[in-house]
Amino acid sequence: MDRKIKLYLLTGFLGSGKTTFLTNILENIGDKKVGVIMNEFGKIGIDGTIIKKEGMELVEINRGSIFCSCLKLSFASAMIEMADREMEYLFVESSGLADPSNIGDILEGVESVKGDVYDYRGAICLVDAPNFLEQIEDLETVERQLKHCHMVILNKIDLVSEDTLNEVVAKIREINNKVHIEKASFGKVSLDFLEKDLTKDGWVEIEESTNTPENKPKTLNLTYEGEITKEQLTAFIDKISSDAFRIKGFFKLEDGWNQVDVVNRKIDYKPWHKDEGTSQMVIISKIGPNIIRPIFSAWEEVVGKEMKLR
């Protein structure tokens, strides 16, 4: 292959808007041939269902972080496989809980097998403006994602005041003082960055990822045969959301199929165009397996019909 595939890594904590940002790129990149590797913590891939582009190559890697020793090999294999498909761009959307500090090691491994096929153009980190200051206090992952990125998309700026925005920018600068910051709502930014090499200024050294099999968060998959009301689903989610990093999925409600997306305690419903057959939701726990009992009791109280939790 004469021309190298331009490779971008998308990082950012759960709910920061990575999939929306990626969808925006795919809709506006024209007729370029594109590949996507989508990484999710849940057993089922929700986001892979959402992103679409004619002729796009998609590989999904679920059940953990691609930077963890448990999935590093799957990630490298996916990149090796993708290298043989004629494409101009490969976008890797990592899980919101992924720590990409060891991306350099993984790229070196791929190069040793396939040769110099990828042109790594940088990591783009999505920052959730309304929730960032709280996240950065509690989660090392968020700091690592920022430290090892080459461009920040400061997203959801329509939801915060000017003062909060300035505070967020100051905090980002404290962690990564040379990164370019682009402000956005709904993940919409100009695609000019695709013409640049974001990594050109020399960046922090690679280090071991903090993602390990031992600290992998508990992820549960709730499935339900049948229909409930939006009011019921909202009441159920309200009872468990404070113990979850993230809840998302597709549910059949009284107005038809909905895509359900929960960040912090904010629930977002969008009409969904496809009959998924079974309603399903991925729940990433903040409190490990201790969330199982509250999920069952909340569901029993609000819905009272059988669902499955795996």
Protein backbone atom coordinates (compact mmCIF):
# COMPACT_ATOMS: atom_id res chain seq x y z
CA MET A 1 0.00 0.00 0.00
CA ASP A 2 1.45 3.33 -1.06
CA ARG A 3 -0.72 5.52 1.06
CA LYS A 4 -0.89 5.04 4.81
CA ILE A 5 -4.23 4.87 6.61
CA LYS A 6 -4.80 7.95 8.76
CA LEU A 7 -5.55 6.73 12.26
CA TYR A 8 -7.43 8.69 14.94
CA LEU A 9 -8.20 7.60 18.48
CA LEU A 10 -11.35 9.00 20.13
CA THR A 11 -11.34 9.08 23.91
CA GLY A 12 -13.47 10.78 26.56
CA PHE A 13 -15.40 9.66 29.61
CA LEU A 14 -18.78 7.87 29.45
CA GLY A 15 -21.45 10.12 28.01
CA SER A 16 -19.11 12.86 26.76
CA GLY A 17 -20.43 12.52 23.20
CA LYS A 18 -17.88 10.36 21.34
CA THR A 19 -20.44 8.50 19.24
CA THR A 20 -22.27 11.74 18.34
CA PHE A 21 -18.94 13.33 17.35
CA LEU A 22 -18.01 10.27 15.27
CA THR A 23 -21.43 10.27 13.57
CA ASN A 24 -20.87 13.94 12.69
CA ILE A 25 -17.49 13.08 11.09
CA LEU A 26 -18.96 10.16 9.11
CA GLU A 27 -21.83 12.32 7.82
CA ASN A 28 -19.51 15.11 6.67
CA ILE A 29 -16.36 13.38 5.48
CA GLY A 30 -17.69 12.91 1.95
CA ASP A 31 -17.02 9.78 -0.08
CA LYS A 32 -13.81 8.83 1.75
CA LYS A 33 -13.48 5.14 2.63
CA VAL A 34 -13.60 4.86 6.40
CA GLY A 35 -13.13 2.13 9.00
CA VAL A 36 -14.30 2.20 12.62
CA ILE A 37 -13.22 0.09 15.59
CA MET A 38 -15.84 0.50 18.31
CA ASN A 39 -14.96 -0.47 21.88
CA GLU A 40 -17.62 -0.85 24.58
CA PHE A 41 -17.63 -2.19 28.12
CA GLY A 42 -20.94 -4.01 27.80
CA LYS A 43 -21.44 -7.49 26.38
CA ILE A 44 -23.64 -6.00 23.68
CA GLY A 45 -22.57 -3.16 21.41
CA ILE A 46 -25.13 -0.36 21.49
CA ASP A 47 -23.15 2.33 19.68
CA GLY A 48 -22.24 0.10 16.74
CA THR A 49 -25.95 0.04 15.90
CA ILE A 50 -26.09 3.84 15.82
CA ILE A 51 -23.23 4.76 13.51
CA LYS A 52 -23.77 4.31 9.79
CA LYS A 53 -21.93 5.17 6.59
CA GLU A 54 -22.17 3.63 3.14
CA GLY A 55 -19.32 1.16 2.62
CA MET A 56 -17.95 1.65 6.14
CA GLU A 57 -15.95 -1.17 7.72
CA LEU A 58 -16.95 -1.71 11.37
CA VAL A 59 -15.36 -3.96 13.99
CA GLU A 60 -16.81 -4.06 17.52
CA ILE A 61 -14.74 -5.09 20.54
CA ASN A 62 -16.88 -5.45 23.66
CA ARG A 63 -16.56 -6.57 27.30
CA GLY A 64 -13.75 -4.29 28.46
CA SER A 65 -11.14 -1.70 27.45
CA ILE A 66 -8.95 -2.23 24.37
CA PHE A 67 -5.98 -0.91 26.41
CA CYS A 68 -6.37 -3.58 29.10
CA SER A 69 -4.23 -6.73 28.85
CA CYS A 70 -7.53 -8.63 28.56
CA LEU A 71 -8.34 -7.08 25.14
CA LYS A 72 -5.08 -5.58 23.86
CA LEU A 73 -4.55 -8.53 21.55
CA SER A 74 -8.08 -8.29 20.11
CA PHE A 75 -7.47 -4.59 19.42
CA ALA A 76 -4.12 -5.20 17.71
CA SER A 77 -5.68 -8.05 15.67
CA ALA A 78 -8.55 -5.79 14.56
CA MET A 79 -6.06 -3.14 13.42
CA ILE A 80 -3.99 -5.76 11.57
CA GLU A 81 -7.13 -7.04 9.85
CA MET A 82 -8.31 -3.49 8.98
CA ALA A 83 -4.92 -2.69 7.41
CA ASP A 84 -5.75 -5.00 4.48
CA ARG A 85 -8.96 -3.16 3.63
CA GLU A 86 -8.62 -0.22 1.29
CA MET A 87 -9.46 2.82 3.41
CA GLU A 88 -8.30 6.37 3.97
CA TYR A 89 -9.24 6.75 7.64
CA LEU A 90 -9.56 4.48 10.64
CA PHE A 91 -11.31 5.88 13.71
CA VAL A 92 -11.01 3.98 16.97
CA GLU A 93 -13.72 4.90 19.48
CA SER A 94 -12.51 3.63 22.83
CA SER A 95 -14.74 2.93 25.80
CA GLY A 96 -15.44 5.84 28.12
CA LEU A 97 -13.57 3.99 30.87
CA ALA A 98 -10.50 3.37 28.69
CA ASP A 99 -7.07 4.67 29.69
CA PRO A 100 -5.11 5.06 26.41
CA SER A 101 -1.67 5.66 28.00
CA ASN A 102 -0.19 2.58 26.24
CA ILE A 103 -1.46 3.28 22.69
CA GLY A 104 2.17 3.65 21.54
CA ASP A 105 3.02 0.09 22.59
CA ILE A 106 0.00 -1.29 20.75
CA LEU A 107 0.85 0.64 17.57
CA GLU A 108 4.41 -0.67 17.72
CA GLY A 109 3.05 -4.22 17.99
CA VAL A 110 0.84 -3.70 14.93
CA GLU A 111 3.77 -2.21 12.99
CA SER A 112 6.00 -5.19 13.80
CA VAL A 113 3.41 -7.47 12.13
CA LYS A 114 2.08 -5.31 9.26
CA GLY A 115 4.82 -2.75 8.66
CA ASP A 116 4.29 0.99 8.48
CA VAL A 117 0.63 0.98 7.34
CA TYR A 118 -0.87 3.49 9.79
CA ASP A 119 -0.25 7.21 10.07
CA TYR A 120 -1.26 7.89 13.70
CA ARG A 121 -2.65 11.43 13.60
CA GLY A 122 -3.52 11.74 17.26
CA ALA A 123 -5.97 11.17 20.08
CA ILE A 124 -9.03 13.39 20.27
CA CYS A 125 -10.57 13.62 23.74
CA LEU A 126 -14.22 14.57 24.21
CA VAL A 127 -14.84 16.49 27.44
CA ASP A 128 -18.32 16.66 28.96
CA ALA A 129 -18.55 20.34 29.99
CA PRO A 130 -21.41 19.98 32.56
CA ASN A 131 -19.92 16.94 34.34
CA PHE A 132 -16.17 17.31 33.86
CA LEU A 133 -15.23 19.12 37.09
CA GLU A 134 -16.93 16.42 39.14
CA GLN A 135 -15.42 13.58 37.06
CA ILE A 136 -11.86 14.88 37.28
CA GLU A 137 -12.07 14.83 41.09
CA ASP A 138 -13.01 11.16 41.24
CA LEU A 139 -11.56 9.40 38.24
CA GLU A 140 -7.96 8.92 37.21
CA THR A 141 -9.15 7.67 33.81
CA VAL A 142 -10.41 11.16 32.89
CA GLU A 143 -7.03 12.71 33.71
CA ARG A 144 -5.16 10.03 31.74
CA GLN A 145 -7.39 10.56 28.70
CA LEU A 146 -6.57 14.28 28.75
CA LYS A 147 -2.89 13.84 29.43
CA HIS A 148 -2.51 11.53 26.42
CA CYS A 149 -4.60 13.46 23.91
CA HIS A 150 -3.64 15.86 21.11
CA MET A 151 -6.92 17.72 20.70
CA VAL A 152 -9.82 18.36 23.07
CA ILE A 153 -13.42 18.73 21.95
CA LEU A 154 -15.05 20.59 24.83
CA ASN A 155 -18.59 19.36 24.26
CA LYS A 156 -22.08 20.41 25.49
CA ILE A 157 -20.99 24.03 26.01
CA ASP A 158 -24.66 25.03 25.53
CA LEU A 159 -25.39 23.46 28.94
CA VAL A 160 -22.94 25.47 31.07
CA SER A 161 -22.31 29.09 32.05
CA GLU A 162 -19.33 31.11 30.83
CA ASP A 163 -17.77 30.87 34.31
CA THR A 164 -17.98 27.07 34.38
CA LEU A 165 -16.56 26.93 30.87
CA ASN A 166 -13.55 29.03 31.91
CA GLU A 167 -13.04 26.81 34.95
CA VAL A 168 -13.12 23.67 32.78
CA VAL A 169 -10.62 25.14 30.28
CA ALA A 170 -8.28 26.14 33.14
CA LYS A 171 -8.43 22.59 34.55
CA ILE A 172 -7.74 21.03 31.13
CA ARG A 173 -4.75 23.37 30.69
CA GLU A 174 -3.45 22.30 34.10
CA ILE A 175 -3.34 18.67 32.91
CA ASN A 176 -2.27 19.27 29.30
CA ASN A 177 -0.96 22.76 28.65
CA LYS A 178 -0.39 22.52 24.90
CA VAL A 179 -3.45 20.71 23.63
CA HIS A 180 -5.70 22.52 21.13
CA ILE A 181 -9.22 23.00 22.57
CA GLU A 182 -12.20 23.17 20.24
CA LYS A 183 -15.58 24.13 21.77
CA ALA A 184 -18.72 22.35 20.59
CA SER A 185 -22.38 21.52 21.12
CA PHE A 186 -23.71 18.11 20.00
CA GLY A 187 -20.17 17.12 18.94
CA LYS A 188 -20.25 19.45 15.93
CA VAL A 189 -16.88 20.93 14.92
CA SER A 190 -15.19 21.79 11.64
CA LEU A 191 -13.34 18.85 10.12
CA ASP A 192 -10.27 21.00 9.36
CA PHE A 193 -8.32 18.99 11.94
CA LEU A 194 -8.28 16.06 9.49
CA GLU A 195 -5.81 18.06 7.39
CA LYS A 196 -3.37 18.39 10.31
CA ASP A 197 -0.98 16.10 12.12
CA LEU A 198 -2.12 16.70 15.70
CA THR A 199 0.88 14.83 17.16
CA LYS A 200 3.59 16.99 15.61
CA ASP A 201 4.61 18.90 18.77
CA GLY A 202 5.99 15.91 20.68
CA TRP A 203 3.87 14.67 23.58
CA VAL A 204 3.97 12.82 26.87
CA GLU A 205 5.74 9.49 27.07
CA ILE A 206 3.68 6.33 26.83
CA GLU A 207 3.04 4.57 30.15
CA GLU A 208 1.24 1.50 31.45
CA SER A 209 -2.53 1.74 31.15
CA THR A 210 -4.45 1.75 34.43
CA ASN A 211 -7.00 -0.59 32.77
CA THR A 212 -6.47 -4.06 34.22
CA PRO A 213 -8.68 -7.17 34.44
CA GLU A 214 -8.88 -6.58 38.21
CA ASN A 215 -10.33 -3.05 38.06
CA LYS A 216 -12.75 -3.68 35.21
CA PRO A 217 -16.15 -2.21 36.20
CA LYS A 218 -19.16 -4.49 36.54
CA THR A 219 -21.32 -4.27 33.43
CA LEU A 220 -24.85 -5.69 33.34
CA ASN A 221 -27.21 -6.35 30.48
CA LEU A 222 -30.94 -5.99 31.19
CA THR A 223 -33.33 -7.51 28.63
CA TYR A 224 -37.13 -7.36 28.59
CA GLU A 225 -39.71 -8.95 26.29
CA GLY A 226 -42.65 -6.61 26.04
CA GLU A 227 -43.52 -2.95 26.28
CA ILE A 228 -43.53 -0.49 29.19
CA THR A 229 -44.32 3.22 29.40
CA LYS A 230 -41.76 6.01 29.28
CA GLU A 231 -43.00 7.02 32.74
CA GLN A 232 -42.20 3.55 34.11
CA LEU A 233 -38.75 3.40 32.52
CA THR A 234 -37.93 6.89 33.80
CA ALA A 235 -39.03 5.96 37.32
CA PHE A 236 -36.90 2.78 37.19
CA ILE A 237 -33.81 4.61 35.90
CA ASP A 238 -34.22 7.37 38.51
CA LYS A 239 -33.97 4.74 41.26
CA ILE A 240 -30.65 3.25 40.02
CA SER A 241 -28.84 6.00 38.08
CA SER A 242 -26.89 7.37 41.05
CA ASP A 243 -25.13 3.97 41.32
CA ALA A 244 -24.30 3.75 37.60
CA PHE A 245 -21.59 5.41 35.53
CA ARG A 246 -23.73 4.99 32.43
CA ILE A 247 -26.97 3.42 31.22
CA LYS A 248 -27.87 3.07 27.54
CA GLY A 249 -29.85 0.90 25.19
CA PHE A 250 -33.02 0.46 23.11
CA PHE A 251 -36.47 0.05 24.66
CA LYS A 252 -39.98 -0.50 23.34
CA LEU A 253 -42.21 2.14 24.94
CA GLU A 254 -45.82 3.22 24.38
CA ASP A 255 -44.75 5.54 21.53
CA GLY A 256 -42.62 2.85 19.83
CA TRP A 257 -38.90 2.05 19.95
CA ASN A 258 -36.63 4.51 21.75
CA GLN A 259 -32.88 4.92 22.09
CA VAL A 260 -32.27 5.55 25.81
CA ASP A 261 -29.16 7.34 26.98
CA VAL A 262 -28.39 8.24 30.61
CA VAL A 263 -25.45 10.39 31.73
CA ASN A 264 -25.30 11.23 35.44
CA ARG A 265 -29.00 11.57 36.17
CA LYS A 266 -30.03 13.07 32.83
CA ILE A 267 -32.17 10.74 30.72
CA ASP A 268 -32.36 11.28 26.98
CA TYR A 269 -34.98 9.54 24.81
CA LYS A 270 -34.80 9.51 21.01
CA PRO A 271 -37.20 7.76 18.63
CA TRP A 272 -35.46 4.71 17.15
CA HIS A 273 -36.11 3.63 13.55
CA LYS A 274 -35.67 -0.12 13.96
CA ASP A 275 -37.52 -2.92 15.72
CA GLU A 276 -34.82 -4.45 17.95
CA GLY A 277 -37.08 -7.39 18.90
CA THR A 278 -36.06 -7.40 22.57
CA SER A 279 -35.64 -4.31 24.73
CA GLN A 280 -32.12 -4.17 26.13
CA MET A 281 -30.06 -1.85 28.27
CA VAL A 282 -26.42 -1.86 29.36
CA ILE A 283 -25.73 -0.66 32.91
CA ILE A 284 -22.15 0.11 33.97
CA SER A 285 -22.02 0.00 37.77
CA LYS A 286 -20.20 2.44 40.04
CA ILE A 287 -20.58 0.05 42.98
CA GLY A 288 -19.66 -3.30 41.45
CA PRO A 289 -22.06 -6.26 41.89
CA ASN A 290 -23.81 -4.37 44.72
CA ILE A 291 -26.01 -2.73 42.07
CA ILE A 292 -27.71 -6.04 41.21
CA ARG A 293 -30.15 -6.10 44.12
CA PRO A 294 -31.25 -2.43 43.72
CA ILE A 295 -31.88 -3.06 40.00
CA PHE A 296 -34.15 -6.03 40.71
CA SER A 297 -36.05 -4.29 43.51
CA ALA A 298 -36.50 -1.05 41.49
CA TRP A 299 -37.78 -3.03 38.50
CA GLU A 300 -40.13 -5.11 40.67
CA GLU A 301 -41.50 -1.95 42.31
CA VAL A 302 -42.03 0.00 39.08
CA VAL A 303 -42.74 -2.63 36.40
CA GLY A 304 -43.48 -5.84 38.31
CA LYS A 305 -43.00 -8.13 35.28
CA GLU A 306 -40.10 -10.46 34.61
CA MET A 307 -36.90 -9.14 33.05
CA LYS A 308 -33.48 -10.80 32.70
CA LEU A 309 -30.23 -9.41 34.06
CA ARG A 310 -26.92 -10.88 32.95
